[in-house]
Amino acid sequence: MPHRRTPGVRLVRRCGHNGGMTDSLADPHLRYAAPHATDGGPRDIVILGSTGSIGTQAIDLVLRNPERFAVTALSAAGGRVDLLAEQAHRLRVRTVAVARADKAGELREALAARYGAEPLPEILAGPDAATEVARSECHTVLNGITGSIGLAPTLAALEAGRTLALANKESLIVGGPLVKAVAKPGQIIPVDSEHAALFQALLGGTRAEVRKLVVTASGGPFRGRSKAELATVTREDALAHPTWSMGPVITVNSATLVNKGLEVIEAHLLYDIPFERIEVVVHPQSYVHSMVEFTDGSTLAQATPPDMRGPSPSASAGPTGCPTPPPPSTGPRPPPGSSSRSTPTPSPPSASPGTSAPSAARPRPSSTPPTRSASTRS
């Protein structure tokens, strides 16, 4: 007798390749075997955009789980050199990359102030610096860069065979066919909160069983305002997101809902679901990030507090996951435009008296390498 489902109840199972989302860029039923094996030790990770909101929260995850992760390289644009140097020193990375070549000297000085007599990590500088570290030896590359400049590092990581934890949606928006041409099955794991939520919910069935994807939107700071009220809004108003703490570009894009349009395109490209089967629902509390409705009428929703340290473990830790910090405080938000809107680099977990805090240190290089320009490719 064939098995009958109870209406409204999903049978959650992990399907093999034939039962998965085989035409999708991101397939939760597949586990990509990265060439760089970890042999049971910490998973080597490269973080691109380390001083942004995605990068700082990913570093928080690393510092809380030093037995699971080790960062080998960092890259940033160059606007927060002191923070980049502090991150490099605390994580003991092998390589630090900065996109602005004119910031290389300032970065070296900031590193020297922290390392003292110790040898410095390798320094890469120039517009191709992030692309170079994206293809360096590691297990996973987390692409948290903002904007279409993240496409080249995305392609470099995929071509080098790295698992790609993708938060840079612009890679798909501007280069979807290029990404599809080089990505192997299961190689991309989405980090954007909505798409990470879909990734988890899609484990509950096969592609043929999916009726539609539902992406949630907070509505941003301008939700409910009239046309007349919108005529007088300011930059500070646009940056005062009611639930998420993010970088300025994505925060403004969220205020105008442009970001949600990009996320619909991203969901279409990641999961190969037609646009007419992707819906957006306004959910101001931002606890339910996405939902999947199946053909039997049931729906799986993924819910976590509005904090990017939820999606990052799913992308970085693999099927077993790892502990995440408690939900952030829901107290009053800081004034618009204040510095506290940016996520600071967290401190490592406190140690008991007489013991040392967990270390995420990497082996130190044997000598201080010169700064290398990454402005051109040979």
Protein backbone atom coordinates (compact mmCIF):
# COMPACT_ATOMS: atom_id res chain seq x y z
CA MET A 1 0.00 0.00 0.00
CA PRO A 2 1.52 3.40 -0.92
CA HIS A 3 2.39 5.76 1.91
CA ARG A 4 -0.18 8.50 2.57
CA ARG A 5 0.79 11.87 3.98
CA THR A 6 -1.24 13.50 6.70
CA PRO A 7 -2.50 16.78 5.17
CA GLY A 8 -0.40 19.72 6.29
CA VAL A 9 2.46 17.57 7.67
CA ARG A 10 5.76 17.39 5.83
CA LEU A 11 7.96 14.33 5.77
CA VAL A 12 11.36 15.96 6.22
CA ARG A 13 14.08 13.88 4.62
CA ARG A 14 17.42 14.26 2.90
CA CYS A 15 17.12 13.21 -0.72
CA GLY A 16 19.83 11.83 -2.93
CA HIS A 17 20.98 13.59 -6.08
CA ASN A 18 18.11 12.27 -8.16
CA GLY A 19 15.57 13.59 -5.65
CA GLY A 20 17.18 16.98 -5.12
CA MET A 21 17.16 20.34 -6.89
CA THR A 22 19.44 19.17 -9.66
CA ASP A 23 18.97 22.26 -11.87
CA SER A 24 19.67 24.66 -9.02
CA LEU A 25 22.84 26.59 -8.23
CA ALA A 26 22.18 25.93 -4.53
CA ASP A 27 21.00 22.39 -3.78
CA PRO A 28 20.46 21.56 -0.09
CA HIS A 29 20.34 17.85 -0.89
CA LEU A 30 23.95 17.82 -2.05
CA ARG A 31 27.20 18.16 -0.11
CA TYR A 32 30.09 19.38 -2.20
CA ALA A 33 33.38 17.62 -1.48
CA ALA A 34 35.90 20.46 -1.50
CA PRO A 35 39.40 19.35 -2.62
CA HIS A 36 40.97 20.96 0.46
CA ALA A 37 40.17 18.36 3.13
CA THR A 38 40.09 19.27 6.81
CA ASP A 39 40.85 15.76 8.17
CA GLY A 40 38.67 16.42 11.19
CA GLY A 41 40.48 19.62 12.18
CA PRO A 42 39.29 23.22 11.96
CA ARG A 43 37.81 24.21 8.62
CA ASP A 44 40.00 26.79 6.84
CA ILE A 45 37.99 29.83 5.78
CA VAL A 46 38.73 32.97 3.74
CA ILE A 47 36.51 35.96 4.57
CA LEU A 48 35.98 38.60 1.90
CA GLY A 49 34.54 41.87 3.16
CA SER A 50 35.70 41.15 6.69
CA THR A 51 35.05 44.65 8.08
CA GLY A 52 31.43 44.77 6.91
CA SER A 53 28.38 43.51 8.77
CA ILE A 54 28.57 39.99 7.26
CA GLY A 55 32.31 39.73 7.86
CA THR A 56 32.30 40.93 11.47
CA GLN A 57 29.49 38.54 12.40
CA ALA A 58 31.27 35.67 10.66
CA ILE A 59 34.38 36.46 12.71
CA ASP A 60 32.23 36.36 15.83
CA LEU A 61 31.23 32.83 14.81
CA VAL A 62 34.88 31.84 14.32
CA LEU A 63 35.98 33.23 17.68
CA ARG A 64 33.18 31.36 19.43
CA ASN A 65 34.06 28.09 17.70
CA PRO A 66 37.88 27.94 17.39
CA GLU A 67 37.81 24.14 17.27
CA ARG A 68 35.61 24.31 14.15
CA PHE A 69 37.05 27.17 12.10
CA ALA A 70 40.36 28.84 11.30
CA VAL A 71 40.58 31.94 9.11
CA THR A 72 43.49 31.89 6.69
CA ALA A 73 42.93 35.20 4.87
CA LEU A 74 40.90 38.40 5.11
CA SER A 75 40.05 41.06 2.55
CA ALA A 76 38.38 44.46 2.85
CA ALA A 77 37.90 47.57 0.74
CA GLY A 78 40.19 49.76 2.88
CA GLY A 79 37.85 52.13 4.64
CA ARG A 80 38.47 50.60 8.09
CA VAL A 81 42.16 49.72 8.10
CA ASP A 82 42.52 49.66 11.89
CA LEU A 83 39.68 47.14 12.22
CA LEU A 84 41.16 44.99 9.44
CA ALA A 85 44.55 44.97 11.18
CA GLU A 86 42.92 44.08 14.51
CA GLN A 87 41.02 41.20 12.89
CA ALA A 88 44.17 39.89 11.21
CA HIS A 89 46.12 39.98 14.47
CA ARG A 90 43.44 38.24 16.54
CA LEU A 91 42.85 35.54 13.92
CA ARG A 92 46.54 35.11 13.01
CA VAL A 93 45.81 34.97 9.31
CA ARG A 94 48.41 34.25 6.67
CA THR A 95 47.26 36.93 4.22
CA VAL A 96 45.51 40.32 4.46
CA ALA A 97 44.16 41.96 1.32
CA VAL A 98 43.00 45.54 0.78
CA ALA A 99 41.33 46.74 -2.43
CA ARG A 100 42.65 50.29 -2.18
CA ALA A 101 46.32 50.22 -3.10
CA ASP A 102 46.83 53.62 -1.46
CA LYS A 103 45.93 52.04 1.89
CA ALA A 104 48.70 49.42 1.80
CA GLY A 105 51.17 51.55 3.76
CA GLU A 106 48.58 52.47 6.37
CA LEU A 107 47.63 48.80 6.71
CA ARG A 108 51.25 47.78 7.18
CA GLU A 109 51.71 50.39 9.91
CA ALA A 110 48.51 49.26 11.66
CA LEU A 111 49.65 45.65 11.53
CA ALA A 112 53.15 46.53 12.79
CA ALA A 113 51.63 48.38 15.75
CA ARG A 114 49.83 45.19 16.79
CA TYR A 115 52.40 42.54 15.88
CA GLY A 116 55.41 44.36 17.30
CA ALA A 117 58.50 42.26 16.69
CA GLU A 118 56.45 39.35 15.33
CA PRO A 119 56.46 38.71 11.57
CA LEU A 120 53.57 40.28 9.69
CA PRO A 121 51.15 38.40 7.46
CA GLU A 122 51.42 38.73 3.71
CA ILE A 123 49.78 41.93 2.44
CA LEU A 124 48.02 42.13 -0.93
CA ALA A 125 46.87 45.49 -2.30
CA GLY A 126 44.93 46.52 -5.37
CA PRO A 127 41.58 45.90 -7.07
CA ASP A 128 42.33 42.21 -7.67
CA ALA A 129 43.46 41.50 -4.11
CA ALA A 130 40.17 39.90 -3.04
CA THR A 131 40.12 37.77 -6.17
CA GLU A 132 43.60 36.48 -5.40
CA VAL A 133 42.77 35.42 -1.85
CA ALA A 134 39.49 33.88 -3.06
CA ARG A 135 41.48 31.29 -4.99
CA SER A 136 43.96 30.66 -2.16
CA GLU A 137 44.10 27.29 -0.41
CA CYS A 138 41.16 26.86 1.95
CA HIS A 139 37.95 24.88 2.36
CA THR A 140 35.36 27.70 2.24
CA VAL A 141 35.31 31.24 0.89
CA LEU A 142 32.74 33.55 2.46
CA ASN A 143 31.99 36.34 -0.01
CA GLY A 144 30.55 39.21 2.01
CA ILE A 145 31.61 41.95 -0.42
CA THR A 146 29.00 44.55 -1.34
CA GLY A 147 28.29 45.25 -5.00
CA SER A 148 29.12 43.79 -8.40
CA ILE A 149 32.86 43.91 -7.62
CA GLY A 150 32.17 40.66 -5.78
CA LEU A 151 31.66 38.76 -9.06
CA ALA A 152 35.36 38.20 -9.86
CA PRO A 153 36.12 36.72 -6.39
CA THR A 154 33.01 34.52 -6.69
CA LEU A 155 34.21 33.10 -10.00
CA ALA A 156 37.77 32.68 -8.68
CA ALA A 157 36.60 30.71 -5.65
CA LEU A 158 34.39 28.44 -7.75
CA GLU A 159 37.08 27.83 -10.36
CA ALA A 160 39.57 26.96 -7.59
CA GLY A 161 37.16 24.34 -6.25
CA ARG A 162 36.32 26.08 -2.97
CA THR A 163 32.98 25.82 -1.25
CA LEU A 164 31.41 29.24 -1.71
CA ALA A 165 29.34 30.74 1.11
CA LEU A 166 27.67 33.47 -0.92
CA ALA A 167 26.33 36.67 0.62
CA ASN A 168 27.19 38.81 -2.41
CA LYS A 169 23.89 38.70 -4.33
CA GLU A 170 25.26 40.98 -7.03
CA SER A 171 27.45 38.09 -8.24
CA LEU A 172 24.28 36.40 -9.42
CA ILE A 173 22.40 39.52 -10.50
CA VAL A 174 25.11 40.69 -12.91
CA GLY A 175 26.83 37.39 -13.66
CA GLY A 176 24.29 34.60 -13.25
CA PRO A 177 25.20 32.75 -16.48
CA LEU A 178 28.93 33.04 -15.69
CA VAL A 179 28.39 31.60 -12.21
CA LYS A 180 26.22 28.79 -13.56
CA ALA A 181 28.91 27.90 -16.08
CA VAL A 182 31.58 27.20 -13.44
CA ALA A 183 29.69 26.16 -10.28
CA LYS A 184 29.60 22.46 -9.49
CA PRO A 185 26.58 20.79 -7.86
CA GLY A 186 26.37 21.70 -4.19
CA GLN A 187 29.34 24.10 -4.36
CA ILE A 188 27.34 27.24 -3.47
CA ILE A 189 25.70 27.72 -0.07
CA PRO A 190 23.64 30.93 0.27
CA VAL A 191 24.28 33.21 3.25
CA ASP A 192 21.69 35.94 2.58
CA SER A 193 19.14 35.36 5.36
CA GLU A 194 16.17 34.78 3.04
CA HIS A 195 18.02 32.39 0.76
CA ALA A 196 19.69 30.53 3.62
CA ALA A 197 16.17 30.06 5.03
CA LEU A 198 14.93 28.69 1.70
CA PHE A 199 17.98 26.42 1.57
CA GLN A 200 17.00 24.84 4.89
CA ALA A 201 13.27 24.62 4.14
CA LEU A 202 13.87 23.01 0.76
CA LEU A 203 15.39 20.01 2.53
CA GLY A 204 11.78 19.01 3.21
CA GLY A 205 11.06 17.89 -0.35
CA THR A 206 12.14 17.57 -3.94
CA ARG A 207 12.01 20.28 -6.58
CA ALA A 208 8.96 18.63 -8.16
CA GLU A 209 7.10 19.02 -4.86
CA VAL A 210 7.69 22.77 -4.56
CA ARG A 211 4.64 24.89 -5.37
CA LYS A 212 6.15 28.28 -4.56
CA LEU A 213 8.80 30.15 -2.60
CA VAL A 214 7.77 32.90 -0.20
CA VAL A 215 10.40 35.54 0.65
CA THR A 216 9.65 37.84 3.57
CA ALA A 217 10.35 41.58 3.74
CA SER A 218 10.38 43.78 6.82
CA GLY A 219 9.02 46.74 4.87
CA GLY A 220 11.96 48.86 5.97
CA PRO A 221 11.84 52.21 7.78
CA PHE A 222 9.32 53.73 5.35
CA ARG A 223 6.62 51.07 5.66
CA GLY A 224 3.21 52.71 6.07
CA ARG A 225 4.31 56.23 5.10
CA SER A 226 2.25 58.22 2.62
CA LYS A 227 3.60 59.64 -0.64
CA ALA A 228 3.64 63.09 0.93
CA GLU A 229 5.64 61.84 3.91
CA LEU A 230 8.17 60.12 1.65
CA ALA A 231 8.90 63.43 -0.07
CA THR A 232 10.70 64.73 3.02
CA VAL A 233 12.67 61.67 4.18
CA THR A 234 16.42 62.03 4.78
CA ARG A 235 19.47 59.82 4.44
CA GLU A 236 19.39 59.27 8.19
CA ASP A 237 15.77 58.11 7.94
CA ALA A 238 16.71 55.60 5.24
CA LEU A 239 19.57 54.23 7.38
CA ALA A 240 17.36 53.69 10.43
CA HIS A 241 16.25 50.14 9.63
CA PRO A 242 13.76 48.91 12.24
CA THR A 243 15.05 45.33 12.63
CA TRP A 244 18.37 44.75 10.84
CA SER A 245 21.82 46.26 11.44
CA MET A 246 23.55 46.28 8.05
CA GLY A 247 25.93 48.25 5.88
CA PRO A 248 24.74 51.54 4.34
CA VAL A 249 24.25 50.28 0.77
CA ILE A 250 22.01 47.35 1.64
CA THR A 251 20.21 49.40 4.30
CA VAL A 252 19.25 52.09 1.78
CA ASN A 253 18.31 49.42 -0.77
CA SER A 254 16.10 47.84 1.87
CA ALA A 255 14.41 51.17 2.58
CA THR A 256 13.49 51.53 -1.11
CA LEU A 257 12.68 47.78 -1.45
CA VAL A 258 15.19 47.57 -4.31
CA ASN A 259 17.00 44.95 -2.24
CA LYS A 260 13.90 42.75 -2.15
CA GLY A 261 13.67 42.88 -5.93
CA LEU A 262 17.28 41.72 -6.14
CA GLU A 263 16.53 38.92 -3.68
CA VAL A 264 13.67 37.65 -5.83
CA ILE A 265 16.05 37.48 -8.80
CA GLU A 266 18.61 35.73 -6.58
CA ALA A 267 16.05 33.16 -5.41
CA HIS A 268 15.11 32.46 -9.03
CA LEU A 269 18.73 31.90 -10.02
CA LEU A 270 19.70 29.88 -6.96
CA TYR A 271 16.75 27.49 -6.95
CA ASP A 272 15.60 27.52 -10.59
CA ILE A 273 12.02 28.39 -9.62
CA PRO A 274 10.08 30.58 -12.13
CA PHE A 275 9.39 34.17 -11.08
CA GLU A 276 5.63 33.59 -11.08
CA ARG A 277 6.15 31.06 -8.27
CA ILE A 278 8.13 33.41 -6.02
CA GLU A 279 6.15 35.71 -3.74
CA VAL A 280 7.08 38.45 -1.28
CA VAL A 281 5.21 38.88 2.02
CA VAL A 282 5.76 41.82 4.41
CA HIS A 283 6.68 40.61 7.89
CA PRO A 284 7.88 43.58 9.99
CA GLN A 285 9.23 41.48 12.89
CA SER A 286 11.79 39.74 10.60
CA TYR A 287 11.72 36.45 12.49
CA VAL A 288 10.39 34.31 9.62
CA HIS A 289 12.93 34.71 6.84
CA SER A 290 11.37 32.61 4.09
CA MET A 291 8.84 29.84 3.49
CA VAL A 292 8.40 27.02 1.01
CA GLU A 293 4.91 25.91 0.04
CA PHE A 294 4.67 22.35 -1.27
CA THR A 295 2.20 20.80 -3.64
CA ASP A 296 0.39 18.92 -0.86
CA GLY A 297 -0.60 22.25 0.70
CA SER A 298 1.90 22.19 3.56
CA THR A 299 4.39 24.98 4.22
CA LEU A 300 7.81 24.94 5.87
CA ALA A 301 8.93 28.24 7.40
CA GLN A 302 12.40 29.01 8.74
CA ALA A 303 12.51 31.36 11.73
CA THR A 304 15.44 32.84 13.65
CA PRO A 305 16.11 36.22 15.28
CA PRO A 306 17.15 38.94 12.78
CA ASP A 307 20.89 38.32 13.08
CA MET A 308 23.27 37.17 10.33
CA ARG A 309 25.05 34.86 12.77
CA GLY A 310 22.18 32.46 12.06
CA PRO A 311 22.81 31.95 8.32
CA SER A 312 26.61 31.99 8.68
CA PRO A 313 26.86 28.73 10.67
CA SER A 314 24.66 26.96 8.12
CA ALA A 315 26.97 28.05 5.33
CA SER A 316 30.27 27.53 7.12
CA ALA A 317 29.80 24.51 9.36
CA GLY A 318 28.19 22.06 6.99
CA PRO A 319 25.48 19.57 7.90
CA THR A 320 26.27 19.36 11.61
CA GLY A 321 25.99 23.09 12.30
CA CYS A 322 27.49 24.76 15.35
CA PRO A 323 26.33 26.74 18.38
CA THR A 324 25.33 30.37 17.82
CA PRO A 325 25.18 33.24 20.32
CA PRO A 326 21.96 34.21 22.10
CA PRO A 327 19.51 36.48 20.24
CA PRO A 328 20.54 40.14 20.27
CA SER A 329 18.87 42.58 22.62
CA THR A 330 15.59 44.00 21.41
CA GLY A 331 16.02 47.28 23.31
CA PRO A 332 15.80 50.74 21.74
CA ARG A 333 17.74 51.18 18.51
CA PRO A 334 20.58 53.73 18.40
CA PRO A 335 19.95 57.14 16.82
CA PRO A 336 20.06 57.16 12.99
CA GLY A 337 23.59 57.49 11.64
CA SER A 338 25.29 56.69 14.97
CA SER A 339 28.43 54.57 14.91
CA SER A 340 26.76 51.83 16.94
CA ARG A 341 24.81 50.79 13.86
CA SER A 342 27.91 49.03 12.58
CA THR A 343 28.61 45.62 14.08
CA PRO A 344 31.87 45.79 16.05
CA THR A 345 34.40 43.02 16.08
CA PRO A 346 33.28 40.88 19.04
CA SER A 347 35.56 39.81 21.83
CA PRO A 348 36.38 36.12 22.16
CA PRO A 349 34.49 34.14 24.80
CA SER A 350 35.55 34.90 28.36
CA ALA A 351 37.69 32.35 30.16
CA SER A 352 37.42 31.24 33.77
CA PRO A 353 39.96 32.65 36.23
CA GLY A 354 43.34 31.01 35.76
CA THR A 355 42.58 29.71 32.26
CA SER A 356 43.23 31.03 28.78
CA ALA A 357 40.50 32.10 26.38
CA PRO A 358 40.07 29.85 23.32
CA SER A 359 42.46 30.80 20.55
CA ALA A 360 41.77 30.95 16.84
CA ALA A 361 45.44 31.46 16.08
CA ARG A 362 47.07 30.27 12.88
CA PRO A 363 50.74 29.26 12.53
CA ARG A 364 52.78 32.41 12.13
CA PRO A 365 54.71 33.03 8.94
CA SER A 366 58.44 32.57 9.18
CA SER A 367 59.30 36.00 7.78
CA THR A 368 57.70 39.32 6.95
CA PRO A 369 56.74 39.24 3.27
CA PRO A 370 56.64 42.41 1.18
CA THR A 371 53.41 44.01 0.08
CA ARG A 372 52.28 42.57 -3.25
CA SER A 373 50.22 44.44 -5.80
CA ALA A 374 47.10 42.60 -6.94
CA SER A 375 46.03 45.21 -9.48
CA THR A 376 46.74 43.06 -12.53
CA ARG A 377 46.57 39.42 -13.49
CA SER A 378 49.27 37.68 -15.46
